[in-house]
Amino acid sequence: MQVQDYCKAMLAEVSAWKAKLESMKKTADGFGSEQKEKVLPLIGQLEQEVVNAQMRVDQLENECPSDGSPIKNELDELFGTVGSKLDRTFQEMSSRETLW
């Protein structure tokens, strides 16, 4: 996969994560104060990881390296970790069973 195609795919994923985070924030707004105290730090941590992923994708896109494999490997690992955390947290917040 070429660097530009890879960047487009990663940007699409970051956009989907941002939408999921916004949904999580709206869900958290409906929680009581005790529930919010549990979930808001996690949402903040996830937001920071999404920002880091966005910065790495921007760097890859702006630098356009001929061999993006070191950055690509780092992004693949970061995206796997963040994607899993977001999906798990989103499901937990939707069901409210695990967190509460």
PDB file of N, CA and C in Angstrom:
ATOM      1  N   MET A   1       0.846  -1.171   0.000  1.00  0.00           N
ATOM      2  CA  MET A   1       0.000   0.000   0.000  1.00  0.00           C
ATOM      3  C   MET A   1       0.890   1.232   0.000  1.00  0.00           C
ATOM      4  N   GLN A   2       0.579   2.185  -0.853  1.00  0.00           N
ATOM      5  CA  GLN A   2       1.370   3.396  -0.931  1.00  0.00           C
ATOM      6  C   GLN A   2       1.090   4.288   0.274  1.00  0.00           C
ATOM      7  N   VAL A   3       2.058   5.166   0.557  1.00  0.00           N
ATOM      8  CA  VAL A   3       1.965   6.019   1.732  1.00  0.00           C
ATOM      9  C   VAL A   3       0.698   6.873   1.699  1.00  0.00           C
ATOM     10  N   GLN A   4       0.370   7.459   0.530  1.00  0.00           N
ATOM     11  CA  GLN A   4      -0.815   8.314   0.453  1.00  0.00           C
ATOM     12  C   GLN A   4      -2.091   7.528   0.738  1.00  0.00           C
ATOM     13  N   ASP A   5      -2.183   6.310   0.195  1.00  0.00           N
ATOM     14  CA  ASP A   5      -3.362   5.475   0.439  1.00  0.00           C
ATOM     15  C   ASP A   5      -3.446   5.082   1.908  1.00  0.00           C
ATOM     16  N   TYR A   6      -2.313   4.769   2.470  1.00  0.00           N
ATOM     17  CA  TYR A   6      -2.266   4.409   3.886  1.00  0.00           C
ATOM     18  C   TYR A   6      -2.720   5.590   4.742  1.00  0.00           C
ATOM     19  N   CYS A   7      -2.233   6.781   4.432  1.00  0.00           N
ATOM     20  CA  CYS A   7      -2.610   7.976   5.187  1.00  0.00           C
ATOM     21  C   CYS A   7      -4.110   8.233   5.093  1.00  0.00           C
ATOM     22  N   LYS A   8      -4.665   8.084   3.913  1.00  0.00           N
ATOM     23  CA  LYS A   8      -6.109   8.280   3.750  1.00  0.00           C
ATOM     24  C   LYS A   8      -6.891   7.296   4.616  1.00  0.00           C
ATOM     25  N   ALA A   9      -6.454   6.056   4.637  1.00  0.00           N
ATOM     26  CA  ALA A   9      -7.130   5.043   5.449  1.00  0.00           C
ATOM     27  C   ALA A   9      -7.014   5.366   6.936  1.00  0.00           C
ATOM     28  N   MET A  10      -5.837   5.801   7.377  1.00  0.00           N
ATOM     29  CA  MET A  10      -5.637   6.131   8.780  1.00  0.00           C
ATOM     30  C   MET A  10      -6.411   7.385   9.173  1.00  0.00           C
ATOM     31  N   LEU A  11      -6.480   8.372   8.271  1.00  0.00           N
ATOM     32  CA  LEU A  11      -7.261   9.575   8.552  1.00  0.00           C
ATOM     33  C   LEU A  11      -8.740   9.238   8.692  1.00  0.00           C
ATOM     34  N   ALA A  12      -9.226   8.331   7.869  1.00  0.00           N
ATOM     35  CA  ALA A  12     -10.619   7.899   7.969  1.00  0.00           C
ATOM     36  C   ALA A  12     -10.861   7.219   9.320  1.00  0.00           C
ATOM     37  N   GLU A  13      -9.909   6.432   9.758  1.00  0.00           N
ATOM     38  CA  GLU A  13     -10.054   5.757  11.049  1.00  0.00           C
ATOM     39  C   GLU A  13     -10.041   6.759  12.202  1.00  0.00           C
ATOM     40  N   VAL A  14      -9.142   7.738  12.140  1.00  0.00           N
ATOM     41  CA  VAL A  14      -9.089   8.769  13.188  1.00  0.00           C
ATOM     42  C   VAL A  14     -10.407   9.537  13.222  1.00  0.00           C
ATOM     43  N   SER A  15     -10.975   9.830  12.075  1.00  0.00           N
ATOM     44  CA  SER A  15     -12.266  10.533  12.017  1.00  0.00           C
ATOM     45  C   SER A  15     -13.365   9.699  12.667  1.00  0.00           C
ATOM     46  N   ALA A  16     -13.356   8.406  12.413  1.00  0.00           N
ATOM     47  CA  ALA A  16     -14.345   7.516  13.036  1.00  0.00           C
ATOM     48  C   ALA A  16     -14.156   7.485  14.553  1.00  0.00           C
ATOM     49  N   TRP A  17     -12.914   7.494  15.013  1.00  0.00           N
ATOM     50  CA  TRP A  17     -12.642   7.508  16.454  1.00  0.00           C
ATOM     51  C   TRP A  17     -13.176   8.787  17.082  1.00  0.00           C
ATOM     52  N   LYS A  18     -12.956   9.907  16.396  1.00  0.00           N
ATOM     53  CA  LYS A  18     -13.431  11.188  16.925  1.00  0.00           C
ATOM     54  C   LYS A  18     -14.952  11.176  17.065  1.00  0.00           C
ATOM     55  N   ALA A  19     -15.636  10.615  16.089  1.00  0.00           N
ATOM     56  CA  ALA A  19     -17.099  10.519  16.151  1.00  0.00           C
ATOM     57  C   ALA A  19     -17.525   9.640  17.323  1.00  0.00           C
ATOM     58  N   LYS A  20     -16.808   8.545  17.533  1.00  0.00           N
ATOM     59  CA  LYS A  20     -17.124   7.647  18.639  1.00  0.00           C
ATOM     60  C   LYS A  20     -16.896   8.344  19.983  1.00  0.00           C
ATOM     61  N   LEU A  21     -15.813   9.112  20.080  1.00  0.00           N
ATOM     62  CA  LEU A  21     -15.536   9.857  21.313  1.00  0.00           C
ATOM     63  C   LEU A  21     -16.639  10.878  21.596  1.00  0.00           C
ATOM     64  N   GLU A  22     -17.116  11.563  20.558  1.00  0.00           N
ATOM     65  CA  GLU A  22     -18.201  12.529  20.747  1.00  0.00           C
ATOM     66  C   GLU A  22     -19.458  11.828  21.247  1.00  0.00           C
ATOM     67  N   SER A  23     -19.736  10.666  20.708  1.00  0.00           N
ATOM     68  CA  SER A  23     -20.881   9.888  21.162  1.00  0.00           C
ATOM     69  C   SER A  23     -20.714   9.475  22.620  1.00  0.00           C
ATOM     70  N   MET A  24     -19.488   9.087  22.986  1.00  0.00           N
ATOM     71  CA  MET A  24     -19.216   8.701  24.366  1.00  0.00           C
ATOM     72  C   MET A  24     -19.418   9.892  25.302  1.00  0.00           C
ATOM     73  N   LYS A  25     -18.988  11.089  24.883  1.00  0.00           N
ATOM     74  CA  LYS A  25     -19.156  12.285  25.707  1.00  0.00           C
ATOM     75  C   LYS A  25     -20.637  12.590  25.915  1.00  0.00           C
ATOM     76  N   LYS A  26     -21.422  12.471  24.844  1.00  0.00           N
ATOM     77  CA  LYS A  26     -22.858  12.724  24.958  1.00  0.00           C
ATOM     78  C   LYS A  26     -23.506  11.715  25.894  1.00  0.00           C
ATOM     79  N   THR A  27     -23.086  10.465  25.806  1.00  0.00           N
ATOM     80  CA  THR A  27     -23.610   9.441  26.698  1.00  0.00           C
ATOM     81  C   THR A  27     -23.230   9.769  28.136  1.00  0.00           C
ATOM     82  N   ALA A  28     -21.985  10.182  28.353  1.00  0.00           N
ATOM     83  CA  ALA A  28     -21.509  10.510  29.699  1.00  0.00           C
ATOM     84  C   ALA A  28     -22.252  11.707  30.283  1.00  0.00           C
ATOM     85  N   ASP A  29     -22.679  12.628  29.426  1.00  0.00           N
ATOM     86  CA  ASP A  29     -23.434  13.789  29.907  1.00  0.00           C
ATOM     87  C   ASP A  29     -24.726  13.367  30.609  1.00  0.00           C
ATOM     88  N   GLY A  30     -25.265  12.231  30.224  1.00  0.00           N
ATOM     89  CA  GLY A  30     -26.497  11.742  30.839  1.00  0.00           C
ATOM     90  C   GLY A  30     -26.274  10.952  32.114  1.00  0.00           C
ATOM     91  N   PHE A  31     -25.039  10.690  32.460  1.00  0.00           N
ATOM     92  CA  PHE A  31     -24.724   9.926  33.666  1.00  0.00           C
ATOM     93  C   PHE A  31     -24.841  10.794  34.910  1.00  0.00           C
ATOM     94  N   GLY A  32     -25.002  10.140  36.036  1.00  0.00           N
ATOM     95  CA  GLY A  32     -24.938  10.823  37.319  1.00  0.00           C
ATOM     96  C   GLY A  32     -23.491  11.184  37.627  1.00  0.00           C
ATOM     97  N   SER A  33     -23.283  11.995  38.655  1.00  0.00           N
ATOM     98  CA  SER A  33     -21.935  12.484  38.955  1.00  0.00           C
ATOM     99  C   SER A  33     -20.961  11.351  39.283  1.00  0.00           C
ATOM    100  N   GLU A  34     -21.418  10.327  39.982  1.00  0.00           N
ATOM    101  CA  GLU A  34     -20.529   9.225  40.336  1.00  0.00           C
ATOM    102  C   GLU A  34     -20.071   8.470  39.082  1.00  0.00           C
ATOM    103  N   GLN A  35     -20.992   8.241  38.181  1.00  0.00           N
ATOM    104  CA  GLN A  35     -20.643   7.543  36.935  1.00  0.00           C
ATOM    105  C   GLN A  35     -19.715   8.399  36.081  1.00  0.00           C
ATOM    106  N   LYS A  36     -19.985   9.711  36.041  1.00  0.00           N
ATOM    107  CA  LYS A  36     -19.125  10.612  35.263  1.00  0.00           C
ATOM    108  C   LYS A  36     -17.698  10.590  35.791  1.00  0.00           C
ATOM    109  N   GLU A  37     -17.549  10.570  37.115  1.00  0.00           N
ATOM    110  CA  GLU A  37     -16.212  10.547  37.714  1.00  0.00           C
ATOM    111  C   GLU A  37     -15.420   9.331  37.270  1.00  0.00           C
ATOM    112  N   LYS A  38     -16.115   8.234  37.017  1.00  0.00           N
ATOM    113  CA  LYS A  38     -15.443   7.011  36.580  1.00  0.00           C
ATOM    114  C   LYS A  38     -15.044   7.070  35.113  1.00  0.00           C
ATOM    115  N   VAL A  39     -15.882   7.659  34.280  1.00  0.00           N
ATOM    116  CA  VAL A  39     -15.676   7.560  32.841  1.00  0.00           C
ATOM    117  C   VAL A  39     -14.927   8.744  32.225  1.00  0.00           C
ATOM    118  N   LEU A  40     -15.042   9.935  32.797  1.00  0.00           N
ATOM    119  CA  LEU A  40     -14.405  11.103  32.179  1.00  0.00           C
ATOM    120  C   LEU A  40     -12.878  10.993  32.088  1.00  0.00           C
ATOM    121  N   PRO A  41     -12.172  10.478  33.106  1.00  0.00           N
ATOM    122  CA  PRO A  41     -10.723  10.314  32.947  1.00  0.00           C
ATOM    123  C   PRO A  41     -10.366   9.361  31.799  1.00  0.00           C
ATOM    124  N   LEU A  42     -11.147   8.316  31.633  1.00  0.00           N
ATOM    125  CA  LEU A  42     -10.903   7.366  30.549  1.00  0.00           C
ATOM    126  C   LEU A  42     -11.126   8.030  29.201  1.00  0.00           C
ATOM    127  N   ILE A  43     -12.193   8.810  29.081  1.00  0.00           N
ATOM    128  CA  ILE A  43     -12.450   9.529  27.831  1.00  0.00           C
ATOM    129  C   ILE A  43     -11.311  10.500  27.542  1.00  0.00           C
ATOM    130  N   GLY A  44     -10.836  11.193  28.563  1.00  0.00           N
ATOM    131  CA  GLY A  44      -9.704  12.111  28.387  1.00  0.00           C
ATOM    132  C   GLY A  44      -8.454  11.402  27.909  1.00  0.00           C
ATOM    133  N   GLN A  45      -8.191  10.234  28.456  1.00  0.00           N
ATOM    134  CA  GLN A  45      -7.024   9.448  28.047  1.00  0.00           C
ATOM    135  C   GLN A  45      -7.178   9.007  26.587  1.00  0.00           C
ATOM    136  N   LEU A  46      -8.362   8.554  26.231  1.00  0.00           N
ATOM    137  CA  LEU A  46      -8.602   8.132  24.860  1.00  0.00           C
ATOM    138  C   LEU A  46      -8.471   9.307  23.886  1.00  0.00           C
ATOM    139  N   GLU A  47      -8.957  10.473  24.300  1.00  0.00           N
ATOM    140  CA  GLU A  47      -8.827  11.665  23.452  1.00  0.00           C
ATOM    141  C   GLU A  47      -7.361  11.977  23.182  1.00  0.00           C
ATOM    142  N   GLN A  48      -6.525  11.870  24.209  1.00  0.00           N
ATOM    143  CA  GLN A  48      -5.098  12.147  24.037  1.00  0.00           C
ATOM    144  C   GLN A  48      -4.463  11.147  23.076  1.00  0.00           C
ATOM    145  N   GLU A  49      -4.849   9.896  23.173  1.00  0.00           N
ATOM    146  CA  GLU A  49      -4.301   8.889  22.273  1.00  0.00           C
ATOM    147  C   GLU A  49      -4.744   9.139  20.831  1.00  0.00           C
ATOM    148  N   VAL A  50      -5.974   9.601  20.652  1.00  0.00           N
ATOM    149  CA  VAL A  50      -6.455   9.929  19.314  1.00  0.00           C
ATOM    150  C   VAL A  50      -5.673  11.129  18.766  1.00  0.00           C
ATOM    151  N   VAL A  51      -5.408  12.116  19.611  1.00  0.00           N
ATOM    152  CA  VAL A  51      -4.607  13.277  19.190  1.00  0.00           C
ATOM    153  C   VAL A  51      -3.212  12.815  18.764  1.00  0.00           C
ATOM    154  N   ASN A  52      -2.605  11.920  19.534  1.00  0.00           N
ATOM    155  CA  ASN A  52      -1.284  11.398  19.174  1.00  0.00           C
ATOM    156  C   ASN A  52      -1.318  10.670  17.830  1.00  0.00           C
ATOM    157  N   ALA A  53      -2.353   9.886  17.607  1.00  0.00           N
ATOM    158  CA  ALA A  53      -2.490   9.172  16.339  1.00  0.00           C
ATOM    159  C   ALA A  53      -2.639  10.169  15.190  1.00  0.00           C
ATOM    160  N   GLN A  54      -3.448  11.199  15.408  1.00  0.00           N
ATOM    161  CA  GLN A  54      -3.644  12.228  14.376  1.00  0.00           C
ATOM    162  C   GLN A  54      -2.313  12.905  14.043  1.00  0.00           C
ATOM    163  N   MET A  55      -1.531  13.216  15.070  1.00  0.00           N
ATOM    164  CA  MET A  55      -0.236  13.864  14.846  1.00  0.00           C
ATOM    165  C   MET A  55       0.702  12.969  14.045  1.00  0.00           C
ATOM    166  N   ARG A  56       0.710  11.673  14.341  1.00  0.00           N
ATOM    167  CA  ARG A  56       1.593  10.752  13.614  1.00  0.00           C
ATOM    168  C   ARG A  56       1.160  10.620  12.152  1.00  0.00           C
ATOM    169  N   VAL A  57      -0.142  10.565  11.908  1.00  0.00           N
ATOM    170  CA  VAL A  57      -0.641  10.489  10.529  1.00  0.00           C
ATOM    171  C   VAL A  57      -0.278  11.770   9.794  1.00  0.00           C
ATOM    172  N   ASP A  58      -0.461  12.912  10.442  1.00  0.00           N
ATOM    173  CA  ASP A  58      -0.097  14.194   9.820  1.00  0.00           C
ATOM    174  C   ASP A  58       1.387  14.232   9.494  1.00  0.00           C
ATOM    175  N   GLN A  59       2.206  13.731  10.405  1.00  0.00           N
ATOM    176  CA  GLN A  59       3.646  13.703  10.181  1.00  0.00           C
ATOM    177  C   GLN A  59       3.978  12.827   8.980  1.00  0.00           C
ATOM    178  N   LEU A  60       3.383  11.669   8.920  1.00  0.00           N
ATOM    179  CA  LEU A  60       3.638  10.761   7.804  1.00  0.00           C
ATOM    180  C   LEU A  60       3.203  11.401   6.491  1.00  0.00           C
ATOM    181  N   GLU A  61       2.053  12.041   6.509  1.00  0.00           N
ATOM    182  CA  GLU A  61       1.526  12.664   5.302  1.00  0.00           C
ATOM    183  C   GLU A  61       2.391  13.846   4.863  1.00  0.00           C
ATOM    184  N   ASN A  62       2.842  14.658   5.816  1.00  0.00           N
ATOM    185  CA  ASN A  62       3.634  15.848   5.499  1.00  0.00           C
ATOM    186  C   ASN A  62       5.054  15.514   5.079  1.00  0.00           C
ATOM    187  N   GLU A  63       5.654  14.508   5.685  1.00  0.00           N
ATOM    188  CA  GLU A  63       7.032  14.163   5.371  1.00  0.00           C
ATOM    189  C   GLU A  63       7.135  13.322   4.108  1.00  0.00           C
ATOM    190  N   CYS A  64       6.085  12.591   3.774  1.00  0.00           N
ATOM    191  CA  CYS A  64       6.049  11.741   2.581  1.00  0.00           C
ATOM    192  C   CYS A  64       7.340  10.935   2.418  1.00  0.00           C
ATOM    193  N   PRO A  65       7.722  10.149   3.394  1.00  0.00           N
ATOM    194  CA  PRO A  65       8.963   9.375   3.256  1.00  0.00           C
ATOM    195  C   PRO A  65       8.801   8.310   2.176  1.00  0.00           C
ATOM    196  N   SER A  66       9.914   8.017   1.503  1.00  0.00           N
ATOM    197  CA  SER A  66       9.851   6.978   0.470  1.00  0.00           C
ATOM    198  C   SER A  66       9.645   5.613   1.115  1.00  0.00           C
ATOM    199  N   ASP A  67      10.193   5.437   2.301  1.00  0.00           N
ATOM    200  CA  ASP A  67       9.960   4.200   3.034  1.00  0.00           C
ATOM    201  C   ASP A  67       9.331   4.569   4.366  1.00  0.00           C
ATOM    202  N   GLY A  68       8.036   4.497   4.435  1.00  0.00           N
ATOM    203  CA  GLY A  68       7.331   4.877   5.653  1.00  0.00           C
ATOM    204  C   GLY A  68       7.188   3.741   6.632  1.00  0.00           C
ATOM    205  N   SER A  69       7.901   2.643   6.418  1.00  0.00           N
ATOM    206  CA  SER A  69       7.674   1.467   7.245  1.00  0.00           C
ATOM    207  C   SER A  69       7.902   1.679   8.744  1.00  0.00           C
ATOM    208  N   PRO A  70       8.936   2.398   9.206  1.00  0.00           N
ATOM    209  CA  PRO A  70       9.063   2.579  10.654  1.00  0.00           C
ATOM    210  C   PRO A  70       7.867   3.335  11.249  1.00  0.00           C
ATOM    211  N   ILE A  71       7.453   4.404  10.582  1.00  0.00           N
ATOM    212  CA  ILE A  71       6.300   5.160  11.056  1.00  0.00           C
ATOM    213  C   ILE A  71       5.041   4.320  10.894  1.00  0.00           C
ATOM    214  N   LYS A  72       4.934   3.602   9.787  1.00  0.00           N
ATOM    215  CA  LYS A  72       3.760   2.755   9.541  1.00  0.00           C
ATOM    216  C   LYS A  72       3.642   1.700  10.632  1.00  0.00           C
ATOM    217  N   ASN A  73       4.755   1.068  10.991  1.00  0.00           N
ATOM    218  CA  ASN A  73       4.728   0.054  12.047  1.00  0.00           C
ATOM    219  C   ASN A  73       4.283   0.664  13.370  1.00  0.00           C
ATOM    220  N   GLU A  74       4.793   1.858  13.683  1.00  0.00           N
ATOM    221  CA  GLU A  74       4.399   2.542  14.907  1.00  0.00           C
ATOM    222  C   GLU A  74       2.902   2.878  14.870  1.00  0.00           C
ATOM    223  N   LEU A  75       2.433   3.384  13.728  1.00  0.00           N
ATOM    224  CA  LEU A  75       1.019   3.717  13.593  1.00  0.00           C
ATOM    225  C   LEU A  75       0.136   2.480  13.688  1.00  0.00           C
ATOM    226  N   ASP A  76       0.554   1.391  13.052  1.00  0.00           N
ATOM    227  CA  ASP A  76      -0.238   0.160  13.116  1.00  0.00           C
ATOM    228  C   ASP A  76      -0.411  -0.295  14.569  1.00  0.00           C
ATOM    229  N   GLU A  77       0.667  -0.220  15.338  1.00  0.00           N
ATOM    230  CA  GLU A  77       0.592  -0.610  16.744  1.00  0.00           C
ATOM    231  C   GLU A  77      -0.301   0.353  17.528  1.00  0.00           C
ATOM    232  N   LEU A  78      -0.103   1.650  17.315  1.00  0.00           N
ATOM    233  CA  LEU A  78      -0.910   2.659  18.001  1.00  0.00           C
ATOM    234  C   LEU A  78      -2.384   2.515  17.637  1.00  0.00           C
ATOM    235  N   PHE A  79      -2.668   2.324  16.358  1.00  0.00           N
ATOM    236  CA  PHE A  79      -4.050   2.210  15.914  1.00  0.00           C
ATOM    237  C   PHE A  79      -4.706   0.948  16.460  1.00  0.00           C
ATOM    238  N   GLY A  80      -3.970  -0.126  16.564  1.00  0.00           N
ATOM    239  CA  GLY A  80      -4.517  -1.347  17.151  1.00  0.00           C
ATOM    240  C   GLY A  80      -4.875  -1.144  18.613  1.00  0.00           C
ATOM    241  N   THR A  81      -3.989  -0.501  19.343  1.00  0.00           N
ATOM    242  CA  THR A  81      -4.212  -0.254  20.766  1.00  0.00           C
ATOM    243  C   THR A  81      -5.378   0.703  20.991  1.00  0.00           C
ATOM    244  N   VAL A  82      -5.347   1.850  20.311  1.00  0.00           N
ATOM    245  CA  VAL A  82      -6.388   2.856  20.500  1.00  0.00           C
ATOM    246  C   VAL A  82      -7.735   2.333  20.013  1.00  0.00           C
ATOM    247  N   GLY A  83      -7.742   1.674  18.867  1.00  0.00           N
ATOM    248  CA  GLY A  83      -8.988   1.141  18.335  1.00  0.00           C
ATOM    249  C   GLY A  83      -9.629   0.143  19.277  1.00  0.00           C
ATOM    250  N   SER A  84      -8.826  -0.726  19.850  1.00  0.00           N
ATOM    251  CA  SER A  84      -9.350  -1.709  20.801  1.00  0.00           C
ATOM    252  C   SER A  84      -9.905  -1.033  22.045  1.00  0.00           C
ATOM    253  N   LYS A  85      -9.171  -0.060  22.580  1.00  0.00           N
ATOM    254  CA  LYS A  85      -9.629   0.648  23.783  1.00  0.00           C
ATOM    255  C   LYS A  85     -10.934   1.395  23.513  1.00  0.00           C
ATOM    256  N   LEU A  86     -10.984   2.076  22.362  1.00  0.00           N
ATOM    257  CA  LEU A  86     -12.194   2.821  22.031  1.00  0.00           C
ATOM    258  C   LEU A  86     -13.388   1.896  21.874  1.00  0.00           C
ATOM    259  N   ASP A  87     -13.209   0.818  21.141  1.00  0.00           N
ATOM    260  CA  ASP A  87     -14.310  -0.118  20.932  1.00  0.00           C
ATOM    261  C   ASP A  87     -14.789  -0.710  22.253  1.00  0.00           C
ATOM    262  N   ARG A  88     -13.852  -1.123  23.080  1.00  0.00           N
ATOM    263  CA  ARG A  88     -14.198  -1.729  24.367  1.00  0.00           C
ATOM    264  C   ARG A  88     -14.932  -0.725  25.261  1.00  0.00           C
ATOM    265  N   THR A  89     -14.413   0.489  25.344  1.00  0.00           N
ATOM    266  CA  THR A  89     -15.022   1.511  26.188  1.00  0.00           C
ATOM    267  C   THR A  89     -16.394   1.901  25.661  1.00  0.00           C
ATOM    268  N   PHE A  90     -16.512   2.026  24.353  1.00  0.00           N
ATOM    269  CA  PHE A  90     -17.789   2.380  23.744  1.00  0.00           C
ATOM    270  C   PHE A  90     -18.842   1.323  24.059  1.00  0.00           C
ATOM    271  N   GLN A  91     -18.456   0.066  23.948  1.00  0.00           N
ATOM    272  CA  GLN A  91     -19.387  -1.024  24.254  1.00  0.00           C
ATOM    273  C   GLN A  91     -19.750  -1.027  25.736  1.00  0.00           C
ATOM    274  N   GLU A  92     -18.765  -0.791  26.592  1.00  0.00           N
ATOM    275  CA  GLU A  92     -19.022  -0.773  28.028  1.00  0.00           C
ATOM    276  C   GLU A  92     -19.951   0.371  28.401  1.00  0.00           C
ATOM    277  N   MET A  93     -19.731   1.529  27.785  1.00  0.00           N
ATOM    278  CA  MET A  93     -20.596   2.667  28.087  1.00  0.00           C
ATOM    279  C   MET A  93     -21.999   2.436  27.552  1.00  0.00           C
ATOM    280  N   SER A  94     -22.098   1.792  26.418  1.00  0.00           N
ATOM    281  CA  SER A  94     -23.412   1.531  25.836  1.00  0.00           C
ATOM    282  C   SER A  94     -24.215   0.581  26.711  1.00  0.00           C
ATOM    283  N   SER A  95     -23.549  -0.433  27.239  1.00  0.00           N
ATOM    284  CA  SER A  95     -24.265  -1.405  28.072  1.00  0.00           C
ATOM    285  C   SER A  95     -24.311  -0.982  29.536  1.00  0.00           C
ATOM    286  N   ARG A  96     -23.335  -0.163  29.957  1.00  0.00           N
ATOM    287  CA  ARG A  96     -23.203   0.311  31.344  1.00  0.00           C
ATOM    288  C   ARG A  96     -23.000  -0.816  32.346  1.00  0.00           C
ATOM    289  N   GLU A  97     -22.902  -2.046  31.915  1.00  0.00           N
ATOM    290  CA  GLU A  97     -22.782  -3.164  32.840  1.00  0.00           C
ATOM    291  C   GLU A  97     -21.400  -3.278  33.453  1.00  0.00           C
ATOM    292  N   THR A  98     -20.378  -3.125  32.639  1.00  0.00           N
ATOM    293  CA  THR A  98     -19.021  -3.350  33.122  1.00  0.00           C
ATOM    294  C   THR A  98     -18.540  -2.215  34.018  1.00  0.00           C
ATOM    295  N   LEU A  99     -18.814  -0.952  33.609  1.00  0.00           N
ATOM    296  CA  LEU A  99     -18.310   0.176  34.379  1.00  0.00           C
ATOM    297  C   LEU A  99     -19.086   0.409  35.667  1.00  0.00           C
ATOM    298  N   TRP A 100     -20.325   0.050  35.706  1.00  0.00           N
ATOM    299  CA  TRP A 100     -21.140   0.378  36.867  1.00  0.00           C
ATOM    300  C   TRP A 100     -21.631  -0.891  37.482  1.00  0.00           C
TER     301      TRP A 100
END
